[in-house]
Amino acid sequence: MRFVRAEASGPRLSMPGLHDLIWWLLAIGIVVAGVQLFWIVVTPVSPLGEWKPARVNLMGESARSALMTGFDPFNRDVAVAAGPASTVAVITDLPLTVYGIRVNPATGGGTAIIAGAEGEQMVYRIGEEVMEGVTLSAVAFDHVTLSRNGSSELLYLDQSKPAPTVAPAATNPVAPPPPVAPPPPAPASSGVSASSLQQGIGFSAGKGGVAVTSKGDGGAFRSAGLRAGDVLVSVNGKAVSGQGDLANFAGQVRPGSNLSLTVRRNGREVPLNILVSE
């Protein structure tokens, strides 16, 4: 940049040329690189001041013993009860049947399809009340844990063995009471016959699906777990939106088959599992 004197108008400012601009940019880059090099040379490599290695914090003997006592590496989601005495869960004798279990390892939650003595299947989440005084406390891949009066009871998917009778703890430790023979197991349900399902269940147009209705005395309708007002949503995972989709249902109703239905009941989808007897 320089001043140039004109003939009549006096001195005026002229813009630098491309050569001057490149020269100044290179000069600034050389100065910056020199400053960085100088800083690298004068800066010490090691930390400033007296350096000491970090000490390792070791747990005491009592702390390690408490940690190992309260931790089970094979079952990390369940805390191990400390102390010599622990509560032992027994198989429940409640008139309940579990048809399906869904475990969510990421959140520690889960749901279970449980039916009562009347055969109505409902979906329960952990913490919900299954029946009066009984809540669902935990789920596993083959059983659920029920909480009743402060004690834990197990309900298995295949609970064909008789449930042991839970006797109260004896207050006199001198002589334990004689063992009580468990009651004989109840006969297994033979399901619903194919002819009863075809003759006892009717269909009509419904909102968002096909409404199921009771025919005859209603025995097969109730045995299948259906209720008045239910709307059929899906059969074995296939959606049912109208009368034309019922051919899939009719084809699945055969002796020995297992039907998985989903019905909408009071605004809530309820899964049903129907065993078609021979």
C-alpha atoms as a PDB file:
ATOM      1  CA  MET A   1       0.000   0.000   0.000  1.00  0.00           C
ATOM      2  CA  ARG A   2       1.502   3.345  -0.998  1.00  0.00           C
ATOM      3  CA  PHE A   3       0.569   6.895  -1.726  1.00  0.00           C
ATOM      4  CA  VAL A   4       0.726   8.101  -5.316  1.00  0.00           C
ATOM      5  CA  ARG A   5       0.788  11.803  -6.195  1.00  0.00           C
ATOM      6  CA  ALA A   6      -1.548  12.692  -9.032  1.00  0.00           C
ATOM      7  CA  GLU A   7      -0.833  15.602 -11.357  1.00  0.00           C
ATOM      8  CA  ALA A   8      -3.861  17.734 -10.453  1.00  0.00           C
ATOM      9  CA  SER A   9      -5.779  16.068  -7.591  1.00  0.00           C
ATOM     10  CA  GLY A  10      -2.913  15.579  -5.061  1.00  0.00           C
ATOM     11  CA  PRO A  11      -1.865  12.347  -3.250  1.00  0.00           C
ATOM     12  CA  ARG A  12      -4.265   9.390  -3.236  1.00  0.00           C
ATOM     13  CA  LEU A  13      -4.301   5.865  -1.701  1.00  0.00           C
ATOM     14  CA  SER A  14      -3.731   2.936  -4.060  1.00  0.00           C
ATOM     15  CA  MET A  15      -4.620  -0.757  -3.382  1.00  0.00           C
ATOM     16  CA  PRO A  16      -1.746  -3.278  -3.111  1.00  0.00           C
ATOM     17  CA  GLY A  17      -1.155  -5.694  -5.912  1.00  0.00           C
ATOM     18  CA  LEU A  18      -1.534  -9.460  -5.813  1.00  0.00           C
ATOM     19  CA  HIS A  19       2.212  -9.898  -5.411  1.00  0.00           C
ATOM     20  CA  ASP A  20       2.297  -7.693  -2.286  1.00  0.00           C
ATOM     21  CA  LEU A  21      -0.737  -9.474  -0.793  1.00  0.00           C
ATOM     22  CA  ILE A  22       0.861 -12.925  -1.190  1.00  0.00           C
ATOM     23  CA  TRP A  23       4.126 -11.626   0.294  1.00  0.00           C
ATOM     24  CA  TRP A  24       2.409 -10.315   3.433  1.00  0.00           C
ATOM     25  CA  LEU A  25       0.421 -13.570   3.916  1.00  0.00           C
ATOM     26  CA  LEU A  26       3.613 -15.636   3.712  1.00  0.00           C
ATOM     27  CA  ALA A  27       5.339 -13.301   6.147  1.00  0.00           C
ATOM     28  CA  ILE A  28       2.509 -13.636   8.686  1.00  0.00           C
ATOM     29  CA  GLY A  29       2.554 -17.472   8.348  1.00  0.00           C
ATOM     30  CA  ILE A  30       6.328 -17.551   8.942  1.00  0.00           C
ATOM     31  CA  VAL A  31       5.948 -15.423  12.083  1.00  0.00           C
ATOM     32  CA  VAL A  32       3.170 -17.672  13.470  1.00  0.00           C
ATOM     33  CA  ALA A  33       5.180 -20.836  12.775  1.00  0.00           C
ATOM     34  CA  GLY A  34       8.234 -19.325  14.463  1.00  0.00           C
ATOM     35  CA  VAL A  35       6.221 -18.455  17.572  1.00  0.00           C
ATOM     36  CA  GLN A  36       4.856 -22.026  17.756  1.00  0.00           C
ATOM     37  CA  LEU A  37       8.338 -23.506  17.354  1.00  0.00           C
ATOM     38  CA  PHE A  38       9.686 -21.241  20.092  1.00  0.00           C
ATOM     39  CA  TRP A  39       6.861 -22.301  22.443  1.00  0.00           C
ATOM     40  CA  ILE A  40       7.558 -25.981  21.771  1.00  0.00           C
ATOM     41  CA  VAL A  41      11.241 -25.522  22.596  1.00  0.00           C
ATOM     42  CA  VAL A  42      10.807 -23.581  25.848  1.00  0.00           C
ATOM     43  CA  THR A  43       7.826 -25.571  27.204  1.00  0.00           C
ATOM     44  CA  PRO A  44       8.919 -28.499  29.469  1.00  0.00           C
ATOM     45  CA  VAL A  45       7.829 -31.995  28.466  1.00  0.00           C
ATOM     46  CA  SER A  46       7.152 -33.241  32.017  1.00  0.00           C
ATOM     47  CA  PRO A  47       4.384 -31.805  34.256  1.00  0.00           C
ATOM     48  CA  LEU A  48       5.220 -28.766  36.303  1.00  0.00           C
ATOM     49  CA  GLY A  49       6.070 -29.316  39.961  1.00  0.00           C
ATOM     50  CA  GLU A  50       6.815 -32.532  41.811  1.00  0.00           C
ATOM     51  CA  TRP A  51       5.043 -35.493  40.219  1.00  0.00           C
ATOM     52  CA  LYS A  52       3.742 -38.404  42.294  1.00  0.00           C
ATOM     53  CA  PRO A  53       1.920 -41.510  41.016  1.00  0.00           C
ATOM     54  CA  ALA A  54      -1.716 -41.938  42.038  1.00  0.00           C
ATOM     55  CA  ARG A  55      -2.227 -44.362  44.896  1.00  0.00           C
ATOM     56  CA  VAL A  56      -4.414 -47.453  44.489  1.00  0.00           C
ATOM     57  CA  ASN A  57      -7.373 -47.577  46.859  1.00  0.00           C
ATOM     58  CA  LEU A  58      -7.667 -51.081  48.260  1.00  0.00           C
ATOM     59  CA  MET A  59     -10.852 -52.289  49.973  1.00  0.00           C
ATOM     60  CA  GLY A  60     -10.613 -53.649  53.454  1.00  0.00           C
ATOM     61  CA  GLU A  61     -11.226 -57.278  54.319  1.00  0.00           C
ATOM     62  CA  SER A  62     -14.666 -56.575  55.803  1.00  0.00           C
ATOM     63  CA  ALA A  63     -15.725 -54.467  52.805  1.00  0.00           C
ATOM     64  CA  ARG A  64     -14.669 -57.182  50.321  1.00  0.00           C
ATOM     65  CA  SER A  65     -16.500 -59.829  52.332  1.00  0.00           C
ATOM     66  CA  ALA A  66     -19.682 -57.729  52.393  1.00  0.00           C
ATOM     67  CA  LEU A  67     -19.429 -57.139  48.627  1.00  0.00           C
ATOM     68  CA  MET A  68     -19.028 -60.828  47.786  1.00  0.00           C
ATOM     69  CA  THR A  69     -21.855 -61.791  50.155  1.00  0.00           C
ATOM     70  CA  GLY A  70     -24.331 -59.368  48.561  1.00  0.00           C
ATOM     71  CA  PHE A  71     -23.510 -60.103  44.913  1.00  0.00           C
ATOM     72  CA  ASP A  72     -24.364 -63.138  42.791  1.00  0.00           C
ATOM     73  CA  PRO A  73     -22.413 -63.143  39.470  1.00  0.00           C
ATOM     74  CA  PHE A  74     -24.798 -65.731  37.953  1.00  0.00           C
ATOM     75  CA  ASN A  75     -27.943 -63.710  38.768  1.00  0.00           C
ATOM     76  CA  ARG A  76     -26.978 -60.057  38.723  1.00  0.00           C
ATOM     77  CA  ASP A  77     -30.508 -58.644  38.656  1.00  0.00           C
ATOM     78  CA  VAL A  78     -31.455 -60.196  42.021  1.00  0.00           C
ATOM     79  CA  ALA A  79     -29.831 -58.972  45.197  1.00  0.00           C
ATOM     80  CA  VAL A  80     -28.539 -61.683  47.523  1.00  0.00           C
ATOM     81  CA  ALA A  81     -30.017 -61.443  50.990  1.00  0.00           C
ATOM     82  CA  ALA A  82     -27.325 -61.080  53.628  1.00  0.00           C
ATOM     83  CA  GLY A  83     -27.488 -63.124  56.763  1.00  0.00           C
ATOM     84  CA  PRO A  84     -27.939 -66.775  57.608  1.00  0.00           C
ATOM     85  CA  ALA A  85     -31.718 -66.845  57.136  1.00  0.00           C
ATOM     86  CA  SER A  86     -33.522 -66.117  53.858  1.00  0.00           C
ATOM     87  CA  THR A  87     -37.080 -66.437  52.597  1.00  0.00           C
ATOM     88  CA  VAL A  88     -37.669 -69.479  50.375  1.00  0.00           C
ATOM     89  CA  ALA A  89     -40.345 -69.136  47.693  1.00  0.00           C
ATOM     90  CA  VAL A  90     -42.750 -72.051  47.274  1.00  0.00           C
ATOM     91  CA  ILE A  91     -45.083 -73.056  44.464  1.00  0.00           C
ATOM     92  CA  THR A  92     -48.402 -71.296  44.879  1.00  0.00           C
ATOM     93  CA  ASP A  93     -51.657 -73.152  45.439  1.00  0.00           C
ATOM     94  CA  LEU A  94     -53.800 -70.282  44.109  1.00  0.00           C
ATOM     95  CA  PRO A  95     -56.265 -71.131  41.300  1.00  0.00           C
ATOM     96  CA  LEU A  96     -54.215 -69.229  38.711  1.00  0.00           C
ATOM     97  CA  THR A  97     -52.778 -70.253  35.342  1.00  0.00           C
ATOM     98  CA  VAL A  98     -49.993 -68.428  33.490  1.00  0.00           C
ATOM     99  CA  TYR A  99     -50.205 -68.588  29.674  1.00  0.00           C
ATOM    100  CA  GLY A 100     -47.370 -66.304  28.593  1.00  0.00           C
ATOM    101  CA  ILE A 101     -44.434 -64.339  29.983  1.00  0.00           C
ATOM    102  CA  ARG A 102     -42.556 -61.405  28.513  1.00  0.00           C
ATOM    103  CA  VAL A 103     -39.295 -60.301  30.170  1.00  0.00           C
ATOM    104  CA  ASN A 104     -37.606 -56.958  29.439  1.00  0.00           C
ATOM    105  CA  PRO A 105     -33.956 -57.299  30.556  1.00  0.00           C
ATOM    106  CA  ALA A 106     -33.139 -53.690  29.586  1.00  0.00           C
ATOM    107  CA  THR A 107     -35.606 -52.097  32.021  1.00  0.00           C
ATOM    108  CA  GLY A 108     -35.962 -54.961  34.494  1.00  0.00           C
ATOM    109  CA  GLY A 109     -39.723 -55.039  33.916  1.00  0.00           C
ATOM    110  CA  GLY A 110     -42.046 -57.489  32.246  1.00  0.00           C
ATOM    111  CA  THR A 111     -45.613 -58.684  31.789  1.00  0.00           C
ATOM    112  CA  ALA A 112     -47.472 -61.969  32.160  1.00  0.00           C
ATOM    113  CA  ILE A 113     -50.746 -63.391  30.815  1.00  0.00           C
ATOM    114  CA  ILE A 114     -52.544 -64.903  33.810  1.00  0.00           C
ATOM    115  CA  ALA A 115     -56.045 -66.380  34.061  1.00  0.00           C
ATOM    116  CA  GLY A 116     -58.055 -66.934  37.223  1.00  0.00           C
ATOM    117  CA  ALA A 117     -60.456 -69.700  38.167  1.00  0.00           C
ATOM    118  CA  GLU A 118     -63.053 -68.370  35.694  1.00  0.00           C
ATOM    119  CA  GLY A 119     -60.568 -68.731  32.805  1.00  0.00           C
ATOM    120  CA  GLU A 120     -60.399 -65.053  31.831  1.00  0.00           C
ATOM    121  CA  GLN A 121     -56.899 -64.203  30.587  1.00  0.00           C
ATOM    122  CA  MET A 122     -55.525 -60.772  31.443  1.00  0.00           C
ATOM    123  CA  VAL A 123     -52.174 -59.045  30.980  1.00  0.00           C
ATOM    124  CA  TYR A 124     -50.504 -57.907  34.210  1.00  0.00           C
ATOM    125  CA  ARG A 125     -47.396 -55.802  34.654  1.00  0.00           C
ATOM    126  CA  ILE A 126     -44.954 -56.107  37.537  1.00  0.00           C
ATOM    127  CA  GLY A 127     -46.501 -54.433  40.582  1.00  0.00           C
ATOM    128  CA  GLU A 128     -50.123 -54.849  39.464  1.00  0.00           C
ATOM    129  CA  GLU A 129     -52.652 -56.768  41.564  1.00  0.00           C
ATOM    130  CA  VAL A 130     -53.572 -60.132  40.053  1.00  0.00           C
ATOM    131  CA  MET A 131     -56.279 -60.837  42.608  1.00  0.00           C
ATOM    132  CA  GLU A 132     -57.206 -59.483  46.019  1.00  0.00           C
ATOM    133  CA  GLY A 133     -54.091 -59.459  48.209  1.00  0.00           C
ATOM    134  CA  VAL A 134     -51.871 -60.949  45.473  1.00  0.00           C
ATOM    135  CA  THR A 135     -49.532 -58.880  43.276  1.00  0.00           C
ATOM    136  CA  LEU A 136     -47.118 -59.749  40.480  1.00  0.00           C
ATOM    137  CA  SER A 137     -43.635 -59.038  41.865  1.00  0.00           C
ATOM    138  CA  ALA A 138     -41.263 -60.551  39.261  1.00  0.00           C
ATOM    139  CA  VAL A 139     -41.171 -62.500  35.982  1.00  0.00           C
ATOM    140  CA  ALA A 140     -38.724 -65.078  34.626  1.00  0.00           C
ATOM    141  CA  PHE A 141     -38.515 -67.090  31.405  1.00  0.00           C
ATOM    142  CA  ASP A 142     -40.559 -70.017  32.780  1.00  0.00           C
ATOM    143  CA  HIS A 143     -42.357 -68.705  35.882  1.00  0.00           C
ATOM    144  CA  VAL A 144     -43.628 -65.627  37.691  1.00  0.00           C
ATOM    145  CA  THR A 145     -43.280 -64.602  41.323  1.00  0.00           C
ATOM    146  CA  LEU A 146     -46.390 -63.601  43.253  1.00  0.00           C
ATOM    147  CA  SER A 147     -46.386 -61.645  46.500  1.00  0.00           C
ATOM    148  CA  ARG A 148     -49.052 -62.682  49.022  1.00  0.00           C
ATOM    149  CA  ASN A 149     -49.122 -61.498  52.642  1.00  0.00           C
ATOM    150  CA  GLY A 150     -45.429 -60.651  52.567  1.00  0.00           C
ATOM    151  CA  SER A 151     -44.311 -64.040  51.198  1.00  0.00           C
ATOM    152  CA  SER A 152     -43.182 -64.995  47.696  1.00  0.00           C
ATOM    153  CA  GLU A 153     -44.887 -67.782  45.752  1.00  0.00           C
ATOM    154  CA  LEU A 154     -43.958 -69.156  42.335  1.00  0.00           C
ATOM    155  CA  LEU A 155     -46.343 -69.858  39.445  1.00  0.00           C
ATOM    156  CA  TYR A 156     -44.852 -71.855  36.541  1.00  0.00           C
ATOM    157  CA  LEU A 157     -45.930 -72.110  32.916  1.00  0.00           C
ATOM    158  CA  ASP A 158     -46.121 -75.916  33.254  1.00  0.00           C
ATOM    159  CA  GLN A 159     -47.327 -76.471  36.798  1.00  0.00           C
ATOM    160  CA  SER A 160     -48.464 -80.063  36.443  1.00  0.00           C
ATOM    161  CA  LYS A 161     -46.891 -81.109  39.750  1.00  0.00           C
ATOM    162  CA  PRO A 162     -48.961 -80.650  42.909  1.00  0.00           C
ATOM    163  CA  ALA A 163     -48.230 -77.552  44.933  1.00  0.00           C
ATOM    164  CA  PRO A 164     -46.793 -78.236  48.408  1.00  0.00           C
ATOM    165  CA  THR A 165     -48.851 -77.124  51.359  1.00  0.00           C
ATOM    166  CA  VAL A 166     -47.328 -74.126  53.112  1.00  0.00           C
ATOM    167  CA  ALA A 167     -47.428 -74.798  56.841  1.00  0.00           C
ATOM    168  CA  PRO A 168     -46.832 -72.017  59.418  1.00  0.00           C
ATOM    169  CA  ALA A 169     -43.494 -72.046  61.214  1.00  0.00           C
ATOM    170  CA  ALA A 170     -43.585 -74.071  64.425  1.00  0.00           C
ATOM    171  CA  THR A 171     -43.160 -72.022  67.591  1.00  0.00           C
ATOM    172  CA  ASN A 172     -41.883 -75.041  69.550  1.00  0.00           C
ATOM    173  CA  PRO A 173     -38.526 -76.163  68.094  1.00  0.00           C
ATOM    174  CA  VAL A 174     -38.468 -79.390  70.126  1.00  0.00           C
ATOM    175  CA  ALA A 175     -40.473 -81.611  67.759  1.00  0.00           C
ATOM    176  CA  PRO A 176     -41.431 -80.582  64.206  1.00  0.00           C
ATOM    177  CA  PRO A 177     -44.972 -81.418  63.068  1.00  0.00           C
ATOM    178  CA  PRO A 178     -45.384 -84.503  60.842  1.00  0.00           C
ATOM    179  CA  PRO A 179     -45.361 -83.786  57.109  1.00  0.00           C
ATOM    180  CA  VAL A 180     -48.744 -83.232  55.497  1.00  0.00           C
ATOM    181  CA  ALA A 181     -49.394 -85.049  52.246  1.00  0.00           C
ATOM    182  CA  PRO A 182     -50.115 -82.630  49.399  1.00  0.00           C
ATOM    183  CA  PRO A 183     -53.551 -82.752  47.794  1.00  0.00           C
ATOM    184  CA  PRO A 184     -53.848 -84.674  44.527  1.00  0.00           C
ATOM    185  CA  PRO A 185     -53.388 -82.573  41.415  1.00  0.00           C
ATOM    186  CA  ALA A 186     -56.462 -81.292  39.660  1.00  0.00           C
ATOM    187  CA  PRO A 187     -57.192 -82.964  36.325  1.00  0.00           C
ATOM    188  CA  ALA A 188     -55.773 -81.059  33.377  1.00  0.00           C
ATOM    189  CA  SER A 189     -58.210 -79.131  31.209  1.00  0.00           C
ATOM    190  CA  SER A 190     -59.022 -80.910  27.970  1.00  0.00           C
ATOM    191  CA  GLY A 191     -59.621 -77.613  26.138  1.00  0.00           C
ATOM    192  CA  VAL A 192     -62.539 -76.832  23.874  1.00  0.00           C
ATOM    193  CA  SER A 193     -63.538 -79.114  21.025  1.00  0.00           C
ATOM    194  CA  ALA A 194     -63.482 -77.843  17.450  1.00  0.00           C
ATOM    195  CA  SER A 195     -67.192 -78.525  16.945  1.00  0.00           C
ATOM    196  CA  SER A 196     -68.083 -76.611  20.137  1.00  0.00           C
ATOM    197  CA  LEU A 197     -66.088 -73.598  18.957  1.00  0.00           C
ATOM    198  CA  GLN A 198     -67.703 -73.629  15.522  1.00  0.00           C
ATOM    199  CA  GLN A 199     -71.228 -73.990  16.945  1.00  0.00           C
ATOM    200  CA  GLY A 200     -70.862 -71.821  20.071  1.00  0.00           C
ATOM    201  CA  ILE A 201     -69.146 -68.712  18.652  1.00  0.00           C
ATOM    202  CA  GLY A 202     -70.724 -66.290  16.186  1.00  0.00           C
ATOM    203  CA  PHE A 203     -69.336 -63.251  14.388  1.00  0.00           C
ATOM    204  CA  SER A 204     -70.747 -59.892  13.394  1.00  0.00           C
ATOM    205  CA  ALA A 205     -69.408 -56.594  12.123  1.00  0.00           C
ATOM    206  CA  GLY A 206     -67.617 -54.599  14.793  1.00  0.00           C
ATOM    207  CA  LYS A 207     -65.618 -51.402  15.142  1.00  0.00           C
ATOM    208  CA  GLY A 208     -61.991 -52.036  14.155  1.00  0.00           C
ATOM    209  CA  GLY A 209     -62.485 -55.780  13.747  1.00  0.00           C
ATOM    210  CA  VAL A 210     -65.103 -58.512  14.007  1.00  0.00           C
ATOM    211  CA  ALA A 211     -67.331 -58.739  17.074  1.00  0.00           C
ATOM    212  CA  VAL A 212     -67.674 -62.207  18.629  1.00  0.00           C
ATOM    213  CA  THR A 213     -71.048 -63.307  19.965  1.00  0.00           C
ATOM    214  CA  SER A 214     -72.235 -66.266  22.016  1.00  0.00           C
ATOM    215  CA  LYS A 215     -74.390 -68.989  20.469  1.00  0.00           C
ATOM    216  CA  GLY A 216     -76.270 -71.810  22.137  1.00  0.00           C
ATOM    217  CA  ASP A 217     -75.817 -72.160  25.904  1.00  0.00           C
ATOM    218  CA  GLY A 218     -72.613 -70.075  25.842  1.00  0.00           C
ATOM    219  CA  GLY A 219     -70.465 -72.828  27.360  1.00  0.00           C
ATOM    220  CA  ALA A 220     -67.890 -72.917  24.584  1.00  0.00           C
ATOM    221  CA  PHE A 221     -67.888 -69.115  24.430  1.00  0.00           C
ATOM    222  CA  ARG A 222     -66.963 -68.823  28.121  1.00  0.00           C
ATOM    223  CA  SER A 223     -64.543 -71.755  28.040  1.00  0.00           C
ATOM    224  CA  ALA A 224     -62.575 -69.981  25.316  1.00  0.00           C
ATOM    225  CA  GLY A 225     -62.173 -66.956  27.621  1.00  0.00           C
ATOM    226  CA  LEU A 226     -64.422 -64.707  25.508  1.00  0.00           C
ATOM    227  CA  ARG A 227     -66.785 -62.118  26.946  1.00  0.00           C
ATOM    228  CA  ALA A 228     -69.771 -60.249  25.542  1.00  0.00           C
ATOM    229  CA  GLY A 229     -68.632 -57.186  23.618  1.00  0.00           C
ATOM    230  CA  ASP A 230     -65.222 -58.597  22.630  1.00  0.00           C
ATOM    231  CA  VAL A 231     -63.939 -57.577  19.191  1.00  0.00           C
ATOM    232  CA  LEU A 232     -61.589 -60.003  17.423  1.00  0.00           C
ATOM    233  CA  VAL A 233     -58.421 -58.144  16.334  1.00  0.00           C
ATOM    234  CA  SER A 234     -56.010 -60.914  15.255  1.00  0.00           C
ATOM    235  CA  VAL A 235     -55.720 -64.716  14.964  1.00  0.00           C
ATOM    236  CA  ASN A 236     -52.253 -66.295  15.375  1.00  0.00           C
ATOM    237  CA  GLY A 237     -50.605 -62.945  14.680  1.00  0.00           C
ATOM    238  CA  LYS A 238     -52.660 -62.154  11.535  1.00  0.00           C
ATOM    239  CA  ALA A 239     -54.888 -59.078  11.724  1.00  0.00           C
ATOM    240  CA  VAL A 240     -58.668 -59.464  11.366  1.00  0.00           C
ATOM    241  CA  SER A 241     -60.385 -56.399   9.930  1.00  0.00           C
ATOM    242  CA  GLY A 242     -63.587 -57.836   8.453  1.00  0.00           C
ATOM    243  CA  GLN A 243     -65.673 -60.873   7.700  1.00  0.00           C
ATOM    244  CA  GLY A 244     -63.362 -61.803   4.818  1.00  0.00           C
ATOM    245  CA  ASP A 245     -60.497 -62.519   7.234  1.00  0.00           C
ATOM    246  CA  LEU A 246     -62.427 -65.172   9.161  1.00  0.00           C
ATOM    247  CA  ALA A 247     -61.349 -67.897   6.745  1.00  0.00           C
ATOM    248  CA  ASN A 248     -57.994 -67.913   8.554  1.00  0.00           C
ATOM    249  CA  PHE A 249     -59.773 -68.488  11.873  1.00  0.00           C
ATOM    250  CA  ALA A 250     -61.934 -71.304  10.485  1.00  0.00           C
ATOM    251  CA  GLY A 251     -58.872 -73.006   8.988  1.00  0.00           C
ATOM    252  CA  GLN A 252     -57.010 -72.924  12.326  1.00  0.00           C
ATOM    253  CA  VAL A 253     -59.853 -74.539  14.306  1.00  0.00           C
ATOM    254  CA  ARG A 254     -58.863 -78.189  14.131  1.00  0.00           C
ATOM    255  CA  PRO A 255     -58.289 -80.834  16.825  1.00  0.00           C
ATOM    256  CA  GLY A 256     -54.957 -80.508  18.603  1.00  0.00           C
ATOM    257  CA  SER A 257     -54.281 -76.947  17.449  1.00  0.00           C
ATOM    258  CA  ASN A 258     -53.487 -73.992  19.707  1.00  0.00           C
ATOM    259  CA  LEU A 259     -55.173 -70.706  18.823  1.00  0.00           C
ATOM    260  CA  SER A 260     -53.646 -67.388  19.845  1.00  0.00           C
ATOM    261  CA  LEU A 261     -56.320 -64.676  19.692  1.00  0.00           C
ATOM    262  CA  THR A 262     -56.230 -60.969  20.479  1.00  0.00           C
ATOM    263  CA  VAL A 263     -59.518 -59.279  21.338  1.00  0.00           C
ATOM    264  CA  ARG A 264     -60.329 -55.692  22.231  1.00  0.00           C
ATOM    265  CA  ARG A 265     -62.201 -55.555  25.546  1.00  0.00           C
ATOM    266  CA  ASN A 266     -63.252 -52.251  27.130  1.00  0.00           C
ATOM    267  CA  GLY A 267     -60.671 -50.362  25.053  1.00  0.00           C
ATOM    268  CA  ARG A 268     -57.843 -52.724  26.009  1.00  0.00           C
ATOM    269  CA  GLU A 269     -56.327 -55.490  23.902  1.00  0.00           C
ATOM    270  CA  VAL A 270     -56.444 -58.841  25.714  1.00  0.00           C
ATOM    271  CA  PRO A 271     -54.561 -61.926  24.421  1.00  0.00           C
ATOM    272  CA  LEU A 272     -56.296 -65.322  24.635  1.00  0.00           C
ATOM    273  CA  ASN A 273     -54.856 -68.804  24.233  1.00  0.00           C
ATOM    274  CA  ILE A 274     -57.343 -71.542  23.228  1.00  0.00           C
ATOM    275  CA  LEU A 275     -56.420 -75.221  23.147  1.00  0.00           C
ATOM    276  CA  VAL A 276     -58.593 -77.158  20.683  1.00  0.00           C
ATOM    277  CA  SER A 277     -59.147 -80.625  22.133  1.00  0.00           C
ATOM    278  CA  GLU A 278     -59.045 -83.848  20.137  1.00  0.00           C
END
